[in-house]
């Protein structure tokens, strides 16, 4: 059974702070910021651009199997702000945007400049966000494939 999407005004902190979430002030702040980003296509566009730029410079090793989902998150944000894809529960969008905001923050729980450890906390947050939104991300990637396969009118 598919969940219905809550209205923006119905979105509460508890909707995107489930038990087992990484507990850090930086992650909490990222989720708080994500709520306002999710309502503003221009802020999402800027976030997307900044994240694509950073993705080219961060080491992939800490993200291992998560890299494809990280890339899917970025594409989903782009499709959302362009209004190409809107079939996403607001709580999932907030979780995805929050994870991206956290990854972009160089001064999160473990500062990114600490060699060997700096991106470990980012990978934990990304893994958590993927677990929470995997179905949403899989649905999006299915939509991407179907969209490519459709003949142009």
Protein backbone atom coordinates (compact mmCIF):
# COMPACT_ATOMS: atom_id res chain seq x y z
CA UNK A 1 0.00 0.00 0.00
CA UNK A 2 1.40 3.37 -1.02
CA UNK A 3 1.67 6.18 1.51
CA UNK A 4 -0.15 9.38 0.83
CA UNK A 5 1.85 12.56 0.82
CA UNK A 6 1.24 14.92 3.76
CA UNK A 7 0.61 18.55 2.99
CA UNK A 8 3.54 20.88 3.52
CA UNK A 9 1.84 22.38 6.53
CA UNK A 10 1.31 18.93 8.04
CA UNK A 11 5.03 18.09 7.98
CA UNK A 12 6.34 17.82 11.52
CA UNK A 13 9.83 17.30 12.89
CA UNK A 14 8.91 13.74 13.89
CA UNK A 15 8.19 12.91 10.25
CA UNK A 16 11.84 13.19 9.33
CA UNK A 17 13.54 12.40 12.62
CA UNK A 18 12.75 8.72 13.04
CA UNK A 19 14.26 6.56 15.73
CA UNK A 20 17.77 5.58 14.83
CA UNK A 21 18.60 8.84 13.05
CA UNK A 22 22.19 10.03 13.36
CA UNK A 23 22.19 12.25 16.44
CA UNK A 24 24.26 15.34 15.99
CA UNK A 25 23.52 19.05 16.07
CA UNK A 26 24.79 19.34 12.48
CA UNK A 27 22.34 16.69 11.22
CA UNK A 28 19.45 18.23 13.17
CA UNK A 29 20.28 21.61 11.66
CA UNK A 30 20.53 20.10 8.17
CA UNK A 31 17.01 18.62 8.53
CA UNK A 32 15.67 21.93 9.83
CA UNK A 33 17.21 23.77 6.88
CA UNK A 34 15.95 21.12 4.46
CA UNK A 35 12.34 21.92 5.36
CA UNK A 36 12.71 25.45 4.01
CA UNK A 37 14.81 24.35 1.01
CA UNK A 38 12.11 21.84 -0.01
CA UNK A 39 9.62 24.69 -0.45
CA UNK A 40 11.94 26.89 -2.53
CA UNK A 41 12.93 25.78 -6.07
CA UNK A 42 15.66 28.42 -6.32
CA UNK A 43 17.33 27.25 -3.12
CA UNK A 44 17.09 23.65 -4.37
CA UNK A 45 18.73 24.70 -7.63
CA UNK A 46 21.60 26.36 -5.76
CA UNK A 47 21.95 23.33 -3.49
CA UNK A 48 22.08 21.04 -6.53
CA UNK A 49 24.79 23.14 -8.20
CA UNK A 50 26.89 23.25 -5.04
CA UNK A 51 26.48 19.50 -4.45
CA UNK A 52 27.47 18.59 -8.02
CA UNK A 53 30.58 20.73 -7.64
CA UNK A 54 31.52 19.11 -4.31
CA UNK A 55 30.78 15.59 -5.62
CA UNK A 56 33.67 16.04 -8.04
CA UNK A 57 36.12 16.60 -5.18
CA UNK A 58 35.07 14.25 -2.39
CA UNK A 59 36.64 10.82 -2.03
CA UNK A 60 34.34 8.01 -3.09
CA UNK A 61 35.80 5.33 -0.85
CA UNK A 62 33.75 6.23 2.28
CA UNK A 63 30.56 6.10 0.19
CA UNK A 64 31.27 2.76 -1.57
CA UNK A 65 27.89 1.24 -2.51
CA UNK A 66 26.06 4.50 -1.75
CA UNK A 67 27.54 6.51 -4.61
CA UNK A 68 24.81 5.57 -7.10
CA UNK A 69 22.13 6.59 -4.60
CA UNK A 70 23.97 9.84 -3.86
CA UNK A 71 23.94 10.62 -7.58
CA UNK A 72 20.24 9.65 -7.78
CA UNK A 73 19.50 12.06 -4.91
CA UNK A 74 21.14 14.87 -6.85
CA UNK A 75 19.19 14.05 -10.02
CA UNK A 76 15.95 13.84 -8.03
CA UNK A 77 16.55 17.29 -6.52
CA UNK A 78 17.17 18.65 -10.02
CA UNK A 79 14.04 17.02 -11.43
CA UNK A 80 12.01 18.28 -8.46
CA UNK A 81 13.05 21.93 -8.72
CA UNK A 82 12.52 21.79 -12.49
CA UNK A 83 9.01 20.42 -11.82
CA UNK A 84 9.76 17.37 -13.97
CA UNK A 85 9.22 14.91 -11.12
CA UNK A 86 6.96 15.57 -8.14
CA UNK A 87 5.93 12.05 -7.10
CA UNK A 88 7.82 12.22 -3.82
CA UNK A 89 6.52 12.41 -0.26
CA UNK A 90 7.60 15.68 1.36
CA UNK A 91 9.21 13.79 4.26
CA UNK A 92 11.41 11.90 1.77
CA UNK A 93 12.39 15.09 0.00
CA UNK A 94 13.31 16.68 3.33
CA UNK A 95 15.41 13.65 4.30
CA UNK A 96 17.23 13.66 0.94
CA UNK A 97 17.83 17.40 0.98
CA UNK A 98 18.94 17.21 4.62
CA UNK A 99 21.51 14.53 3.79
CA UNK A 100 22.88 16.64 0.93
CA UNK A 101 23.07 19.73 3.15
CA UNK A 102 24.94 17.69 5.77
CA UNK A 103 27.42 16.37 3.21
CA UNK A 104 28.07 19.90 1.97
CA UNK A 105 28.86 21.12 5.49
CA UNK A 106 32.65 20.83 5.97
CA UNK A 107 32.28 21.43 9.74
CA UNK A 108 29.80 18.70 10.62
CA UNK A 109 30.35 16.06 13.32
CA UNK A 110 33.78 15.12 11.90
CA UNK A 111 35.28 18.00 9.87
CA UNK A 112 35.90 16.96 6.26
CA UNK A 113 39.54 18.05 6.34
CA UNK A 114 40.50 15.29 8.81
CA UNK A 115 42.27 12.74 6.61
CA UNK A 116 40.73 9.29 6.62
CA UNK A 117 37.83 10.23 8.88
CA UNK A 118 36.37 13.46 7.55
CA UNK A 119 33.78 11.82 5.34
CA UNK A 120 32.94 8.86 7.58
CA UNK A 121 30.10 10.73 9.29
CA UNK A 122 28.84 11.93 5.89
CA UNK A 123 28.69 8.30 4.75
CA UNK A 124 26.71 7.34 7.87
CA UNK A 125 24.18 10.12 7.24
CA UNK A 126 23.94 9.20 3.56
CA UNK A 127 23.40 5.51 4.44
CA UNK A 128 20.67 6.49 6.88
CA UNK A 129 18.95 8.72 4.31
CA UNK A 130 19.12 5.96 1.70
CA UNK A 131 17.57 3.47 4.13
CA UNK A 132 14.77 5.91 4.89
CA UNK A 133 14.07 6.83 1.25
CA UNK A 134 15.17 3.77 -0.76
CA UNK A 135 11.71 3.12 -2.22
CA UNK A 136 11.36 6.77 -3.21
CA UNK A 137 14.78 6.73 -4.86
CA UNK A 138 14.06 3.43 -6.64
CA UNK A 139 10.73 4.83 -7.90
CA UNK A 140 12.54 7.91 -9.17
CA UNK A 141 15.18 5.87 -11.00
CA UNK A 142 12.43 3.75 -12.57
CA UNK A 143 10.74 6.96 -13.71
CA UNK A 144 14.05 8.16 -15.19
CA UNK A 145 14.44 4.99 -17.24
CA UNK A 146 10.81 5.07 -18.40
CA UNK A 147 11.18 8.76 -19.34
CA UNK A 148 14.21 8.00 -21.51
CA UNK A 149 12.42 5.15 -23.23
CA UNK A 150 9.40 7.25 -24.22
CA UNK A 151 9.40 8.45 -27.80
CA UNK A 152 9.36 12.22 -28.26
CA UNK A 153 6.08 13.60 -29.52
